[in-house]
């Protein structure tokens, strides 16, 4: 079974990389994008005269 993991690349390294990207990095990117969008909304709202 170890040979199969080495050949197709679906071993523990792949699982760890998937976990790292999907569970840790992706939510941070989404959070940063949402934060940037809300900041731009705040700035555009402040620029409009009341």
Protein backbone atom coordinates (compact mmCIF):
# COMPACT_ATOMS: atom_id res chain seq x y z
CA UNK A 1 0.00 0.00 0.00
CA UNK A 2 2.90 2.38 0.61
CA UNK A 3 3.89 2.11 -3.05
CA UNK A 4 0.40 3.16 -4.11
CA UNK A 5 0.55 6.25 -1.90
CA UNK A 6 3.87 7.23 -3.42
CA UNK A 7 2.63 6.71 -6.97
CA UNK A 8 -0.72 8.51 -6.94
CA UNK A 9 0.18 11.26 -4.50
CA UNK A 10 -2.82 10.70 -2.23
CA UNK A 11 -0.77 9.92 0.83
CA UNK A 12 -0.65 11.71 4.17
CA UNK A 13 1.17 14.67 2.58
CA UNK A 14 -1.75 15.28 0.24
CA UNK A 15 -4.28 15.04 3.07
CA UNK A 16 -2.26 17.45 5.23
CA UNK A 17 -1.88 19.92 2.36
CA UNK A 18 -5.62 19.78 1.66
CA UNK A 19 -6.41 20.32 5.35
CA UNK A 20 -3.99 23.21 5.58
CA UNK A 21 -5.33 24.97 2.49
CA UNK A 22 -9.05 24.36 2.96
CA UNK A 23 -9.41 24.65 6.72
CA UNK A 24 -6.82 27.28 7.57
CA UNK A 25 -5.82 29.37 4.56
CA UNK A 26 -9.11 29.51 2.63
CA UNK A 27 -11.21 30.94 5.51
CA UNK A 28 -8.52 33.57 6.13
CA UNK A 29 -8.63 34.61 2.49
CA UNK A 30 -12.42 34.79 2.58
CA UNK A 31 -12.27 36.75 5.83
CA UNK A 32 -9.74 39.20 4.39
CA UNK A 33 -11.87 39.71 1.28
CA UNK A 34 -14.97 40.33 3.40
CA UNK A 35 -13.03 42.75 5.59
CA UNK A 36 -11.76 44.64 2.53
CA UNK A 37 -15.29 44.82 1.09
CA UNK A 38 -16.74 46.16 4.33
CA UNK A 39 -13.89 48.69 4.59
CA UNK A 40 -14.57 49.93 1.06
CA UNK A 41 -18.29 50.18 1.87
CA UNK A 42 -17.44 52.20 4.96
CA UNK A 43 -15.20 54.56 2.96
CA UNK A 44 -17.77 55.06 0.20
CA UNK A 45 -20.48 55.73 2.80
CA UNK A 46 -18.25 58.33 4.49
CA UNK A 47 -17.53 60.03 1.15
CA UNK A 48 -21.22 60.67 0.43
CA UNK A 49 -22.61 63.92 1.81
CA UNK A 50 -25.40 63.43 4.32
